[in-house]
Amino acid sequence: MNSKIKDRGMFILGIIICFAVAGLSVLIERLVPGDILGASIIALFMGTIINSFFHPAWIKPALKFTSKKILKLAIILLGASLSVNVIMSVGKMTFFVMIFTFAMCFGGGYFIRKLFGLNWKLSNLISAGTGICGGSAVAAIAPVIDADDKDIAFAMSSTFLFDMVMIALYPIMGRLLGMSDIAYGIWAGTSVNDTASVVASGYAFSEAAGDFATMVKLTRTIAIIPTVLVFAYIGTRIKRKEMQADADGKKVNILKIIPWFICGFLALAILNSFGFIPAAVSSIMKTASKFLMVTALAAIGLGTSITDFKKAGFAPMLYGITIDTLVTLTALGVIWCMGLM
C-alpha cells in the first residue's frame, strides 16, 4: 500500500516538474524580445539539457503520461481556435500557393527522405511542420502515427533552426525582390513554419504584410484537419500490414481509425466555425492549449538526451533544411507565376 502511494506521489511530482519547466519556458519567452524564441522550443531544449543531469527512472511514467495524454488534450483544445471561415477571407490565390507547397513538402519529401535515410514517421513530421504550422502540426500528427518522442524532438528542432534563420533573411530578401505587402505576406505566410516566426518576419517587412501573413498562416493551420485524417488512415494501413491483417481482404474503415482526440478537435473546430464558442472562451482555450502543448514538449525534452541527437546525426536537420528551402522557392515561384510580384 505504501509502495503504491509512493509511486503515485512520484508520478504527480514528475507531472509537476513538466509543468514547472513549461511555466519557466513561457516566462523566458516573454523576456526574450521580438518573439524570436517560442515557449515550445525553449521547453524542448530546456528539458533535454535537464535530462543530461537529471534522469531518474521514477519520472518516466509521468513523462509518458504528459507527452501522450496531455498532448492529446492540448490538440483537442486547439480546435477551438480554428475556423474554416478564415479560408474565405484570404482568397483563392493563397489556396493555390499552399497546394504547391504541400505537394513539395509531402510529395517531394517522400523521395528526398530516402537520400537521407530517414524513417517515414520522422520525415513526415518534419514535412508537416514545414508545410502546415510548425510545432502544432508536428504535435497533432505524432500521436496518430505513433511517432517516437525522439522523432518529435528532432522534427521540432529542424523546423526551429530554419525559422531562426528566416526571421532575419525573409525581410531582406523581400525588399531585394521588390515584393509588395500582399506578395510578401503570402510568401512568409505559406513558407515560414511556426506562427511566432511568421508574425516576426511579416511585421519586420511592414504592418500590412504582417497582417496578411498572419491571416495566411491561420489558413494554413486549417490544413491540420485533413492532414491528420490522412495520416491516421496511413498509420492504420501500415499497422494492419505489419500484423498481416490484410489477408482477409477487408478495407480499412475510415470511421474506426479516427482517434478520439481528433474527434474532439474536429468538434470544437466545427463549433467555433459556426460561432457557437464565444470569442473570449475561444481565446482562453487557445491559451490553455498552447500551455499544455508546451508542457508536453517539456516532457518530451525531459525524456530525450543530447546523446540521442548525436546518434541521429545531421540527417534530420539536413532533410529539414532541404525541404524548407524547396518550399520557400516553390512559394516564391508560384507567386511570381501568378503575377503578384
C-alpha atoms as a PDB file:
ATOM      1  CA  MET A   1       0.000   0.000   0.000  1.00  0.00           C
ATOM      2  CA  ASN A   2       2.776   2.392   0.968  1.00  0.00           C
ATOM      3  CA  SER A   3       4.573   1.486  -2.247  1.00  0.00           C
ATOM      4  CA  LYS A   4       1.528   2.450  -4.327  1.00  0.00           C
ATOM      5  CA  ILE A   5       1.191   5.760  -2.503  1.00  0.00           C
ATOM      6  CA  LYS A   6       4.884   6.431  -3.047  1.00  0.00           C
ATOM      7  CA  ASP A   7       4.626   5.604  -6.762  1.00  0.00           C
ATOM      8  CA  ARG A   8       1.584   7.853  -7.103  1.00  0.00           C
ATOM      9  CA  GLY A   9       3.423  10.649  -5.321  1.00  0.00           C
ATOM     10  CA  MET A  10       6.415  10.280  -7.633  1.00  0.00           C
ATOM     11  CA  PHE A  11       4.060  10.239 -10.624  1.00  0.00           C
ATOM     12  CA  ILE A  12       2.427  13.508  -9.540  1.00  0.00           C
ATOM     13  CA  LEU A  13       5.834  15.024  -8.793  1.00  0.00           C
ATOM     14  CA  GLY A  14       7.002  14.119 -12.307  1.00  0.00           C
ATOM     15  CA  ILE A  15       3.983  15.856 -13.847  1.00  0.00           C
ATOM     16  CA  ILE A  16       4.598  18.918 -11.640  1.00  0.00           C
ATOM     17  CA  ILE A  17       8.194  19.052 -12.926  1.00  0.00           C
ATOM     18  CA  CYS A  18       6.893  19.071 -16.514  1.00  0.00           C
ATOM     19  CA  PHE A  19       4.505  21.926 -15.722  1.00  0.00           C
ATOM     20  CA  ALA A  20       7.301  23.803 -13.928  1.00  0.00           C
ATOM     21  CA  VAL A  21       9.579  23.563 -16.960  1.00  0.00           C
ATOM     22  CA  ALA A  22       6.687  24.736 -19.163  1.00  0.00           C
ATOM     23  CA  GLY A  23       5.972  27.700 -16.879  1.00  0.00           C
ATOM     24  CA  LEU A  24       9.637  28.725 -16.851  1.00  0.00           C
ATOM     25  CA  SER A  25       9.726  28.420 -20.647  1.00  0.00           C
ATOM     26  CA  VAL A  26       6.735  30.742 -21.033  1.00  0.00           C
ATOM     27  CA  LEU A  27       8.434  33.243 -18.722  1.00  0.00           C
ATOM     28  CA  ILE A  28      11.643  33.110 -20.769  1.00  0.00           C
ATOM     29  CA  GLU A  29       9.625  33.560 -23.981  1.00  0.00           C
ATOM     30  CA  ARG A  30       8.144  36.769 -22.593  1.00  0.00           C
ATOM     31  CA  LEU A  31      11.550  38.062 -21.516  1.00  0.00           C
ATOM     32  CA  VAL A  32      13.164  37.471 -24.913  1.00  0.00           C
ATOM     33  CA  PRO A  33      12.437  40.482 -27.176  1.00  0.00           C
ATOM     34  CA  GLY A  34      10.980  40.219 -30.665  1.00  0.00           C
ATOM     35  CA  ASP A  35       9.238  36.828 -30.374  1.00  0.00           C
ATOM     36  CA  ILE A  36      12.441  35.158 -31.532  1.00  0.00           C
ATOM     37  CA  LEU A  37      12.041  32.087 -29.320  1.00  0.00           C
ATOM     38  CA  GLY A  38       8.786  30.218 -28.788  1.00  0.00           C
ATOM     39  CA  ALA A  39       7.988  28.612 -25.441  1.00  0.00           C
ATOM     40  CA  SER A  40       7.596  25.194 -27.085  1.00  0.00           C
ATOM     41  CA  ILE A  41      11.129  25.021 -28.417  1.00  0.00           C
ATOM     42  CA  ILE A  42      12.503  26.521 -25.179  1.00  0.00           C
ATOM     43  CA  ALA A  43      10.747  23.789 -23.171  1.00  0.00           C
ATOM     44  CA  LEU A  44      12.041  21.101 -25.508  1.00  0.00           C
ATOM     45  CA  PHE A  45      15.650  22.230 -25.282  1.00  0.00           C
ATOM     46  CA  MET A  46      15.473  23.000 -21.551  1.00  0.00           C
ATOM     47  CA  GLY A  47      14.084  19.529 -20.887  1.00  0.00           C
ATOM     48  CA  THR A  48      16.854  17.966 -22.965  1.00  0.00           C
ATOM     49  CA  ILE A  49      19.527  19.855 -21.032  1.00  0.00           C
ATOM     50  CA  ILE A  50      17.969  18.876 -17.684  1.00  0.00           C
ATOM     51  CA  ASN A  51      17.884  15.260 -18.852  1.00  0.00           C
ATOM     52  CA  SER A  52      21.668  15.356 -19.203  1.00  0.00           C
ATOM     53  CA  PHE A  53      21.984  15.827 -15.435  1.00  0.00           C
ATOM     54  CA  PHE A  54      18.675  14.520 -14.054  1.00  0.00           C
ATOM     55  CA  HIS A  55      17.043  11.391 -15.463  1.00  0.00           C
ATOM     56  CA  PRO A  56      15.793   9.118 -12.646  1.00  0.00           C
ATOM     57  CA  ALA A  57      13.761   6.034 -13.571  1.00  0.00           C
ATOM     58  CA  TRP A  58      10.787   7.060 -11.412  1.00  0.00           C
ATOM     59  CA  ILE A  59       9.969  10.055 -13.626  1.00  0.00           C
ATOM     60  CA  LYS A  60       9.469   8.007 -16.802  1.00  0.00           C
ATOM     61  CA  PRO A  61       5.750   7.126 -16.207  1.00  0.00           C
ATOM     62  CA  ALA A  62       4.942  10.811 -15.644  1.00  0.00           C
ATOM     63  CA  LEU A  63       6.845  11.808 -18.795  1.00  0.00           C
ATOM     64  CA  LYS A  64       4.970   9.213 -20.829  1.00  0.00           C
ATOM     65  CA  PHE A  65       1.607  10.382 -19.488  1.00  0.00           C
ATOM     66  CA  THR A  66       2.370  14.056 -20.086  1.00  0.00           C
ATOM     67  CA  SER A  67       3.874  13.606 -23.554  1.00  0.00           C
ATOM     68  CA  LYS A  68       0.926  11.459 -24.687  1.00  0.00           C
ATOM     69  CA  LYS A  69      -2.245  12.252 -22.718  1.00  0.00           C
ATOM     70  CA  ILE A  70      -1.626  15.933 -22.011  1.00  0.00           C
ATOM     71  CA  LEU A  71      -0.566  16.435 -25.623  1.00  0.00           C
ATOM     72  CA  LYS A  72      -3.842  14.963 -26.874  1.00  0.00           C
ATOM     73  CA  LEU A  73      -5.830  17.267 -24.579  1.00  0.00           C
ATOM     74  CA  ALA A  74      -3.872  20.216 -25.980  1.00  0.00           C
ATOM     75  CA  ILE A  75      -4.784  19.167 -29.522  1.00  0.00           C
ATOM     76  CA  ILE A  76      -8.484  18.958 -28.624  1.00  0.00           C
ATOM     77  CA  LEU A  77      -8.454  22.498 -27.208  1.00  0.00           C
ATOM     78  CA  LEU A  78      -6.571  23.745 -30.277  1.00  0.00           C
ATOM     79  CA  GLY A  79      -9.698  23.108 -32.334  1.00  0.00           C
ATOM     80  CA  ALA A  80     -11.495  25.953 -30.540  1.00  0.00           C
ATOM     81  CA  SER A  81      -9.120  28.484 -32.127  1.00  0.00           C
ATOM     82  CA  LEU A  82      -9.680  27.330 -35.710  1.00  0.00           C
ATOM     83  CA  SER A  83     -12.352  28.469 -38.099  1.00  0.00           C
ATOM     84  CA  VAL A  84     -12.936  27.339 -41.680  1.00  0.00           C
ATOM     85  CA  ASN A  85     -14.402  30.789 -42.331  1.00  0.00           C
ATOM     86  CA  VAL A  86     -10.874  32.197 -42.352  1.00  0.00           C
ATOM     87  CA  ILE A  87     -10.230  30.430 -45.654  1.00  0.00           C
ATOM     88  CA  MET A  88     -12.880  32.528 -47.407  1.00  0.00           C
ATOM     89  CA  SER A  89     -11.350  35.785 -46.197  1.00  0.00           C
ATOM     90  CA  VAL A  90      -7.914  35.002 -47.609  1.00  0.00           C
ATOM     91  CA  GLY A  91      -8.994  34.084 -51.141  1.00  0.00           C
ATOM     92  CA  LYS A  92      -8.155  31.608 -53.844  1.00  0.00           C
ATOM     93  CA  MET A  93      -4.674  32.988 -54.526  1.00  0.00           C
ATOM     94  CA  THR A  94      -3.371  31.720 -51.199  1.00  0.00           C
ATOM     95  CA  PHE A  95      -5.061  28.354 -51.670  1.00  0.00           C
ATOM     96  CA  PHE A  96      -3.125  27.629 -54.861  1.00  0.00           C
ATOM     97  CA  VAL A  97       0.202  28.629 -53.311  1.00  0.00           C
ATOM     98  CA  MET A  98      -0.456  26.274 -50.396  1.00  0.00           C
ATOM     99  CA  ILE A  99      -1.400  23.411 -52.716  1.00  0.00           C
ATOM    100  CA  PHE A 100       2.012  23.626 -54.380  1.00  0.00           C
ATOM    101  CA  THR A 101       3.914  23.962 -51.095  1.00  0.00           C
ATOM    102  CA  PHE A 102       2.065  20.983 -49.596  1.00  0.00           C
ATOM    103  CA  ALA A 103       2.874  18.948 -52.708  1.00  0.00           C
ATOM    104  CA  MET A 104       6.536  19.847 -52.304  1.00  0.00           C
ATOM    105  CA  CYS A 105       6.552  19.002 -48.579  1.00  0.00           C
ATOM    106  CA  PHE A 106       4.901  15.601 -48.756  1.00  0.00           C
ATOM    107  CA  GLY A 107       5.417  14.609 -52.384  1.00  0.00           C
ATOM    108  CA  GLY A 108       8.991  15.807 -52.693  1.00  0.00           C
ATOM    109  CA  GLY A 109       9.700  14.760 -49.125  1.00  0.00           C
ATOM    110  CA  TYR A 110       8.725  11.171 -49.949  1.00  0.00           C
ATOM    111  CA  PHE A 111      11.633  10.878 -52.373  1.00  0.00           C
ATOM    112  CA  ILE A 112      14.119  13.152 -50.608  1.00  0.00           C
ATOM    113  CA  ARG A 113      13.874  11.269 -47.292  1.00  0.00           C
ATOM    114  CA  LYS A 114      15.393   8.212 -48.960  1.00  0.00           C
ATOM    115  CA  LEU A 115      18.535  10.191 -49.745  1.00  0.00           C
ATOM    116  CA  PHE A 116      18.934  10.981 -46.044  1.00  0.00           C
ATOM    117  CA  GLY A 117      17.924   7.522 -44.818  1.00  0.00           C
ATOM    118  CA  LEU A 118      15.110   8.782 -42.570  1.00  0.00           C
ATOM    119  CA  ASN A 119      12.141   6.692 -41.445  1.00  0.00           C
ATOM    120  CA  TRP A 120       8.757   7.713 -42.824  1.00  0.00           C
ATOM    121  CA  LYS A 121       7.464   8.963 -39.475  1.00  0.00           C
ATOM    122  CA  LEU A 122      10.300  11.418 -38.847  1.00  0.00           C
ATOM    123  CA  SER A 123      10.365  12.689 -42.425  1.00  0.00           C
ATOM    124  CA  ASN A 124       6.610  13.315 -42.465  1.00  0.00           C
ATOM    125  CA  LEU A 125       6.702  15.052 -39.086  1.00  0.00           C
ATOM    126  CA  ILE A 126       9.304  17.446 -40.498  1.00  0.00           C
ATOM    127  CA  SER A 127       7.274  17.875 -43.690  1.00  0.00           C
ATOM    128  CA  ALA A 128       4.120  18.597 -41.677  1.00  0.00           C
ATOM    129  CA  GLY A 129       5.930  21.126 -39.531  1.00  0.00           C
ATOM    130  CA  THR A 130       7.254  22.810 -42.660  1.00  0.00           C
ATOM    131  CA  GLY A 131       4.083  22.718 -44.734  1.00  0.00           C
ATOM    132  CA  ILE A 132       1.425  23.446 -42.122  1.00  0.00           C
ATOM    133  CA  CYS A 133       2.265  25.202 -38.892  1.00  0.00           C
ATOM    134  CA  GLY A 134       5.491  24.173 -37.244  1.00  0.00           C
ATOM    135  CA  GLY A 135       5.271  22.599 -33.801  1.00  0.00           C
ATOM    136  CA  SER A 136       1.467  22.429 -33.700  1.00  0.00           C
ATOM    137  CA  ALA A 137       1.351  20.247 -36.809  1.00  0.00           C
ATOM    138  CA  VAL A 138       4.153  18.026 -35.511  1.00  0.00           C
ATOM    139  CA  ALA A 139       2.326  17.614 -32.206  1.00  0.00           C
ATOM    140  CA  ALA A 140      -1.034  16.900 -33.873  1.00  0.00           C
ATOM    141  CA  ILE A 141       0.244  14.270 -36.292  1.00  0.00           C
ATOM    142  CA  ALA A 142       2.679  12.487 -33.945  1.00  0.00           C
ATOM    143  CA  PRO A 143       0.021  10.595 -31.907  1.00  0.00           C
ATOM    144  CA  VAL A 144      -1.877   9.265 -34.930  1.00  0.00           C
ATOM    145  CA  ILE A 145       1.265   7.682 -36.417  1.00  0.00           C
ATOM    146  CA  ASP A 146       2.682   6.586 -33.037  1.00  0.00           C
ATOM    147  CA  ALA A 147       5.836   8.632 -33.548  1.00  0.00           C
ATOM    148  CA  ASP A 148       8.630   8.231 -31.029  1.00  0.00           C
ATOM    149  CA  ASP A 149       9.332  11.139 -28.692  1.00  0.00           C
ATOM    150  CA  LYS A 150      12.821  11.381 -30.169  1.00  0.00           C
ATOM    151  CA  ASP A 151      11.374  11.834 -33.670  1.00  0.00           C
ATOM    152  CA  ILE A 152       9.136  14.615 -32.339  1.00  0.00           C
ATOM    153  CA  ALA A 153      12.166  16.320 -30.788  1.00  0.00           C
ATOM    154  CA  PHE A 154      14.187  16.042 -33.998  1.00  0.00           C
ATOM    155  CA  ALA A 155      11.303  17.398 -36.105  1.00  0.00           C
ATOM    156  CA  MET A 156      10.737  20.337 -33.755  1.00  0.00           C
ATOM    157  CA  SER A 157      14.442  21.195 -33.741  1.00  0.00           C
ATOM    158  CA  SER A 158      14.664  21.072 -37.513  1.00  0.00           C
ATOM    159  CA  THR A 159      11.794  23.495 -38.116  1.00  0.00           C
ATOM    160  CA  PHE A 160      13.022  25.765 -35.335  1.00  0.00           C
ATOM    161  CA  LEU A 161      16.531  26.189 -36.769  1.00  0.00           C
ATOM    162  CA  PHE A 162      15.188  27.130 -40.197  1.00  0.00           C
ATOM    163  CA  ASP A 163      12.776  29.669 -38.704  1.00  0.00           C
ATOM    164  CA  MET A 164      15.556  31.369 -36.761  1.00  0.00           C
ATOM    165  CA  VAL A 165      17.446  31.997 -39.995  1.00  0.00           C
ATOM    166  CA  MET A 166      14.384  33.029 -41.993  1.00  0.00           C
ATOM    167  CA  ILE A 167      13.203  35.633 -39.476  1.00  0.00           C
ATOM    168  CA  ALA A 168      16.345  37.599 -40.334  1.00  0.00           C
ATOM    169  CA  LEU A 169      16.613  36.790 -44.048  1.00  0.00           C
ATOM    170  CA  TYR A 170      12.993  36.988 -45.267  1.00  0.00           C
ATOM    171  CA  PRO A 171      12.534  40.780 -44.862  1.00  0.00           C
ATOM    172  CA  ILE A 172      15.896  41.393 -46.552  1.00  0.00           C
ATOM    173  CA  MET A 173      15.100  39.086 -49.475  1.00  0.00           C
ATOM    174  CA  GLY A 174      11.589  40.530 -49.798  1.00  0.00           C
ATOM    175  CA  ARG A 175      12.933  44.056 -50.182  1.00  0.00           C
ATOM    176  CA  LEU A 176      15.656  42.954 -52.604  1.00  0.00           C
ATOM    177  CA  LEU A 177      12.997  41.292 -54.750  1.00  0.00           C
ATOM    178  CA  GLY A 178      10.798  44.411 -54.585  1.00  0.00           C
ATOM    179  CA  MET A 179       7.812  42.466 -53.272  1.00  0.00           C
ATOM    180  CA  SER A 180       4.513  44.142 -52.454  1.00  0.00           C
ATOM    181  CA  ASP A 181       2.979  43.804 -48.985  1.00  0.00           C
ATOM    182  CA  ILE A 182       0.458  41.238 -50.225  1.00  0.00           C
ATOM    183  CA  ALA A 183       3.040  39.190 -52.146  1.00  0.00           C
ATOM    184  CA  TYR A 184       5.404  39.186 -49.196  1.00  0.00           C
ATOM    185  CA  GLY A 185       2.571  38.319 -46.787  1.00  0.00           C
ATOM    186  CA  ILE A 186       1.618  35.315 -48.920  1.00  0.00           C
ATOM    187  CA  TRP A 187       5.252  34.247 -49.209  1.00  0.00           C
ATOM    188  CA  ALA A 188       6.001  34.446 -45.485  1.00  0.00           C
ATOM    189  CA  GLY A 189       2.603  33.040 -44.518  1.00  0.00           C
ATOM    190  CA  THR A 190       2.969  29.953 -46.708  1.00  0.00           C
ATOM    191  CA  SER A 191       6.641  29.102 -46.236  1.00  0.00           C
ATOM    192  CA  VAL A 192       7.773  30.148 -42.733  1.00  0.00           C
ATOM    193  CA  ASN A 193       6.967  27.395 -40.228  1.00  0.00           C
ATOM    194  CA  ASP A 194       5.911  28.494 -36.754  1.00  0.00           C
ATOM    195  CA  THR A 195       3.211  31.110 -36.102  1.00  0.00           C
ATOM    196  CA  ALA A 196       5.512  33.291 -33.986  1.00  0.00           C
ATOM    197  CA  SER A 197       8.121  33.227 -36.744  1.00  0.00           C
ATOM    198  CA  VAL A 198       5.535  34.176 -39.377  1.00  0.00           C
ATOM    199  CA  VAL A 199       4.426  37.122 -37.254  1.00  0.00           C
ATOM    200  CA  ALA A 200       8.013  38.203 -36.591  1.00  0.00           C
ATOM    201  CA  SER A 201       9.132  38.003 -40.225  1.00  0.00           C
ATOM    202  CA  GLY A 202       5.869  39.517 -41.514  1.00  0.00           C
ATOM    203  CA  TYR A 203       5.854  42.633 -39.368  1.00  0.00           C
ATOM    204  CA  ALA A 204       9.601  43.078 -39.914  1.00  0.00           C
ATOM    205  CA  PHE A 205       8.677  43.865 -43.538  1.00  0.00           C
ATOM    206  CA  SER A 206       5.645  46.092 -42.896  1.00  0.00           C
ATOM    207  CA  GLU A 207       2.480  46.227 -40.802  1.00  0.00           C
ATOM    208  CA  ALA A 208       0.273  45.398 -43.792  1.00  0.00           C
ATOM    209  CA  ALA A 209       2.486  42.450 -44.728  1.00  0.00           C
ATOM    210  CA  GLY A 210       2.401  41.231 -41.132  1.00  0.00           C
ATOM    211  CA  ASP A 211      -1.398  41.378 -41.015  1.00  0.00           C
ATOM    212  CA  PHE A 212      -1.747  39.453 -44.268  1.00  0.00           C
ATOM    213  CA  ALA A 213       0.961  36.915 -43.382  1.00  0.00           C
ATOM    214  CA  THR A 214      -0.826  36.160 -40.107  1.00  0.00           C
ATOM    215  CA  MET A 215      -4.128  35.618 -41.940  1.00  0.00           C
ATOM    216  CA  VAL A 216      -2.435  33.279 -44.421  1.00  0.00           C
ATOM    217  CA  LYS A 217      -0.847  31.370 -41.559  1.00  0.00           C
ATOM    218  CA  LEU A 218      -4.240  30.829 -39.937  1.00  0.00           C
ATOM    219  CA  THR A 219      -5.489  29.409 -43.227  1.00  0.00           C
ATOM    220  CA  ARG A 220      -2.523  27.030 -43.341  1.00  0.00           C
ATOM    221  CA  THR A 221      -3.408  25.861 -39.844  1.00  0.00           C
ATOM    222  CA  ILE A 222      -6.778  24.615 -41.088  1.00  0.00           C
ATOM    223  CA  ALA A 223      -4.843  22.035 -43.122  1.00  0.00           C
ATOM    224  CA  ILE A 224      -4.130  20.191 -39.862  1.00  0.00           C
ATOM    225  CA  ILE A 225      -7.618  18.664 -40.066  1.00  0.00           C
ATOM    226  CA  PRO A 226      -7.388  16.786 -43.413  1.00  0.00           C
ATOM    227  CA  THR A 227      -3.682  16.024 -42.899  1.00  0.00           C
ATOM    228  CA  VAL A 228      -4.285  14.306 -39.554  1.00  0.00           C
ATOM    229  CA  LEU A 229      -7.113  12.248 -41.033  1.00  0.00           C
ATOM    230  CA  VAL A 230      -4.922  11.168 -43.958  1.00  0.00           C
ATOM    231  CA  PHE A 231      -2.077  10.139 -41.663  1.00  0.00           C
ATOM    232  CA  ALA A 232      -4.485   8.342 -39.350  1.00  0.00           C
ATOM    233  CA  TYR A 233      -5.577   6.289 -42.355  1.00  0.00           C
ATOM    234  CA  ILE A 234      -1.994   5.666 -43.483  1.00  0.00           C
ATOM    235  CA  GLY A 235      -0.906   4.710 -39.974  1.00  0.00           C
ATOM    236  CA  THR A 236      -3.722   2.197 -39.667  1.00  0.00           C
ATOM    237  CA  ARG A 237      -2.939   0.661 -43.055  1.00  0.00           C
ATOM    238  CA  ILE A 238       0.698   0.209 -42.112  1.00  0.00           C
ATOM    239  CA  LYS A 239      -0.219  -1.357 -38.760  1.00  0.00           C
ATOM    240  CA  ARG A 240      -2.560  -3.806 -40.476  1.00  0.00           C
ATOM    241  CA  LYS A 241       0.141  -4.812 -42.945  1.00  0.00           C
ATOM    242  CA  GLU A 242       2.676  -5.297 -40.158  1.00  0.00           C
ATOM    243  CA  MET A 243       0.182  -7.548 -38.375  1.00  0.00           C
ATOM    244  CA  GLN A 244      -0.617  -9.271 -41.687  1.00  0.00           C
ATOM    245  CA  ALA A 245      -4.253  -8.395 -41.185  1.00  0.00           C
ATOM    246  CA  ASP A 246      -4.830  -7.522 -44.809  1.00  0.00           C
ATOM    247  CA  ALA A 247      -5.036 -11.166 -45.790  1.00  0.00           C
ATOM    248  CA  ASP A 248      -8.775 -11.197 -45.297  1.00  0.00           C
ATOM    249  CA  GLY A 249      -9.175  -8.525 -47.985  1.00  0.00           C
ATOM    250  CA  LYS A 250     -11.113  -6.184 -45.776  1.00  0.00           C
ATOM    251  CA  LYS A 251     -10.824  -2.452 -46.337  1.00  0.00           C
ATOM    252  CA  VAL A 252      -9.857  -0.025 -43.615  1.00  0.00           C
ATOM    253  CA  ASN A 253     -12.931   1.651 -42.181  1.00  0.00           C
ATOM    254  CA  ILE A 254     -12.223   5.405 -42.018  1.00  0.00           C
ATOM    255  CA  LEU A 255     -14.752   5.773 -39.181  1.00  0.00           C
ATOM    256  CA  LYS A 256     -12.767   3.379 -36.990  1.00  0.00           C
ATOM    257  CA  ILE A 257      -9.328   4.935 -37.472  1.00  0.00           C
ATOM    258  CA  ILE A 258     -10.086   8.499 -36.370  1.00  0.00           C
ATOM    259  CA  PRO A 259      -8.552   8.834 -32.869  1.00  0.00           C
ATOM    260  CA  TRP A 260     -10.885  10.019 -30.108  1.00  0.00           C
ATOM    261  CA  PHE A 261      -8.906  13.195 -29.504  1.00  0.00           C
ATOM    262  CA  ILE A 262      -9.148  14.129 -33.192  1.00  0.00           C
ATOM    263  CA  CYS A 263     -12.932  13.780 -32.914  1.00  0.00           C
ATOM    264  CA  GLY A 264     -12.811  16.276 -30.062  1.00  0.00           C
ATOM    265  CA  PHE A 265     -10.544  18.539 -32.081  1.00  0.00           C
ATOM    266  CA  LEU A 266     -12.907  18.456 -35.075  1.00  0.00           C
ATOM    267  CA  ALA A 267     -15.966  19.020 -32.884  1.00  0.00           C
ATOM    268  CA  LEU A 268     -14.519  22.193 -31.371  1.00  0.00           C
ATOM    269  CA  ALA A 269     -13.325  23.440 -34.775  1.00  0.00           C
ATOM    270  CA  ILE A 270     -16.828  22.994 -36.225  1.00  0.00           C
ATOM    271  CA  LEU A 271     -18.499  24.650 -33.228  1.00  0.00           C
ATOM    272  CA  ASN A 272     -16.095  27.582 -33.480  1.00  0.00           C
ATOM    273  CA  SER A 273     -16.655  27.887 -37.231  1.00  0.00           C
ATOM    274  CA  PHE A 274     -20.390  28.338 -36.672  1.00  0.00           C
ATOM    275  CA  GLY A 275     -19.873  30.840 -33.859  1.00  0.00           C
ATOM    276  CA  PHE A 276     -21.057  28.627 -31.011  1.00  0.00           C
ATOM    277  CA  ILE A 277     -17.914  29.273 -28.980  1.00  0.00           C
ATOM    278  CA  PRO A 278     -17.692  32.870 -27.670  1.00  0.00           C
ATOM    279  CA  ALA A 279     -14.518  34.724 -28.653  1.00  0.00           C
ATOM    280  CA  ALA A 280     -13.449  35.086 -25.014  1.00  0.00           C
ATOM    281  CA  VAL A 281     -13.858  31.348 -24.367  1.00  0.00           C
ATOM    282  CA  SER A 282     -12.042  30.502 -27.609  1.00  0.00           C
ATOM    283  CA  SER A 283      -9.143  32.717 -26.541  1.00  0.00           C
ATOM    284  CA  ILE A 284      -8.914  31.014 -23.140  1.00  0.00           C
ATOM    285  CA  MET A 285      -8.996  27.550 -24.701  1.00  0.00           C
ATOM    286  CA  LYS A 286      -6.317  28.548 -27.201  1.00  0.00           C
ATOM    287  CA  THR A 287      -4.093  29.803 -24.374  1.00  0.00           C
ATOM    288  CA  ALA A 288      -4.682  26.596 -22.404  1.00  0.00           C
ATOM    289  CA  SER A 289      -3.928  24.516 -25.489  1.00  0.00           C
ATOM    290  CA  LYS A 290      -0.657  26.344 -26.080  1.00  0.00           C
ATOM    291  CA  PHE A 291       0.480  25.905 -22.469  1.00  0.00           C
ATOM    292  CA  LEU A 292      -0.454  22.214 -22.353  1.00  0.00           C
ATOM    293  CA  MET A 293       1.430  21.701 -25.619  1.00  0.00           C
ATOM    294  CA  VAL A 294       4.475  23.401 -24.100  1.00  0.00           C
ATOM    295  CA  THR A 295       4.118  21.095 -21.073  1.00  0.00           C
ATOM    296  CA  ALA A 296       4.002  18.022 -23.326  1.00  0.00           C
ATOM    297  CA  LEU A 297       7.103  19.181 -25.180  1.00  0.00           C
ATOM    298  CA  ALA A 298       8.834  19.754 -21.851  1.00  0.00           C
ATOM    299  CA  ALA A 299       8.098  16.096 -21.046  1.00  0.00           C
ATOM    300  CA  ILE A 300       9.469  15.026 -24.417  1.00  0.00           C
ATOM    301  CA  GLY A 301      12.608  17.062 -23.765  1.00  0.00           C
ATOM    302  CA  LEU A 302      12.991  15.549 -20.290  1.00  0.00           C
ATOM    303  CA  GLY A 303      12.918  12.123 -21.921  1.00  0.00           C
ATOM    304  CA  THR A 304      15.399  12.990 -24.670  1.00  0.00           C
ATOM    305  CA  SER A 305      19.146  13.299 -24.147  1.00  0.00           C
ATOM    306  CA  ILE A 306      21.783  15.190 -26.081  1.00  0.00           C
ATOM    307  CA  THR A 307      23.255  11.772 -26.877  1.00  0.00           C
ATOM    308  CA  ASP A 308      20.072  10.942 -28.805  1.00  0.00           C
ATOM    309  CA  PHE A 309      20.630  13.976 -31.014  1.00  0.00           C
ATOM    310  CA  LYS A 310      24.242  12.915 -31.618  1.00  0.00           C
ATOM    311  CA  LYS A 311      23.131   9.423 -32.606  1.00  0.00           C
ATOM    312  CA  ALA A 312      20.619  10.852 -35.091  1.00  0.00           C
ATOM    313  CA  GLY A 313      23.399  12.844 -36.741  1.00  0.00           C
ATOM    314  CA  PHE A 314      22.817  15.703 -39.140  1.00  0.00           C
ATOM    315  CA  ALA A 315      20.421  13.811 -41.426  1.00  0.00           C
ATOM    316  CA  PRO A 316      17.155  15.139 -39.870  1.00  0.00           C
ATOM    317  CA  MET A 317      18.489  18.704 -39.883  1.00  0.00           C
ATOM    318  CA  LEU A 318      19.724  18.468 -43.474  1.00  0.00           C
ATOM    319  CA  TYR A 319      16.414  16.970 -44.567  1.00  0.00           C
ATOM    320  CA  GLY A 320      14.513  19.777 -42.833  1.00  0.00           C
ATOM    321  CA  ILE A 321      16.704  22.476 -44.359  1.00  0.00           C
ATOM    322  CA  THR A 322      16.303  20.913 -47.815  1.00  0.00           C
ATOM    323  CA  ILE A 323      12.514  20.714 -47.567  1.00  0.00           C
ATOM    324  CA  ASP A 324      12.245  24.218 -46.099  1.00  0.00           C
ATOM    325  CA  THR A 325      14.404  25.684 -48.855  1.00  0.00           C
ATOM    326  CA  LEU A 326      12.395  23.952 -51.583  1.00  0.00           C
ATOM    327  CA  VAL A 327       9.122  25.177 -50.045  1.00  0.00           C
ATOM    328  CA  THR A 328      10.482  28.734 -49.905  1.00  0.00           C
ATOM    329  CA  LEU A 329      11.467  28.614 -53.588  1.00  0.00           C
ATOM    330  CA  THR A 330       8.203  26.911 -54.592  1.00  0.00           C
ATOM    331  CA  ALA A 331       6.058  29.556 -52.877  1.00  0.00           C
ATOM    332  CA  LEU A 332       8.156  32.304 -54.461  1.00  0.00           C
ATOM    333  CA  GLY A 333       7.829  30.712 -57.894  1.00  0.00           C
ATOM    334  CA  VAL A 334       4.047  30.327 -57.670  1.00  0.00           C
ATOM    335  CA  ILE A 335       3.639  33.929 -56.504  1.00  0.00           C
ATOM    336  CA  TRP A 336       5.760  35.104 -59.443  1.00  0.00           C
ATOM    337  CA  CYS A 337       3.780  32.988 -61.939  1.00  0.00           C
ATOM    338  CA  MET A 338       0.535  34.480 -60.607  1.00  0.00           C
ATOM    339  CA  GLY A 339       1.869  37.960 -61.342  1.00  0.00           C
ATOM    340  CA  LEU A 340       1.754  39.165 -57.751  1.00  0.00           C
ATOM    341  CA  MET A 341       5.354  40.373 -57.624  1.00  0.00           C
END
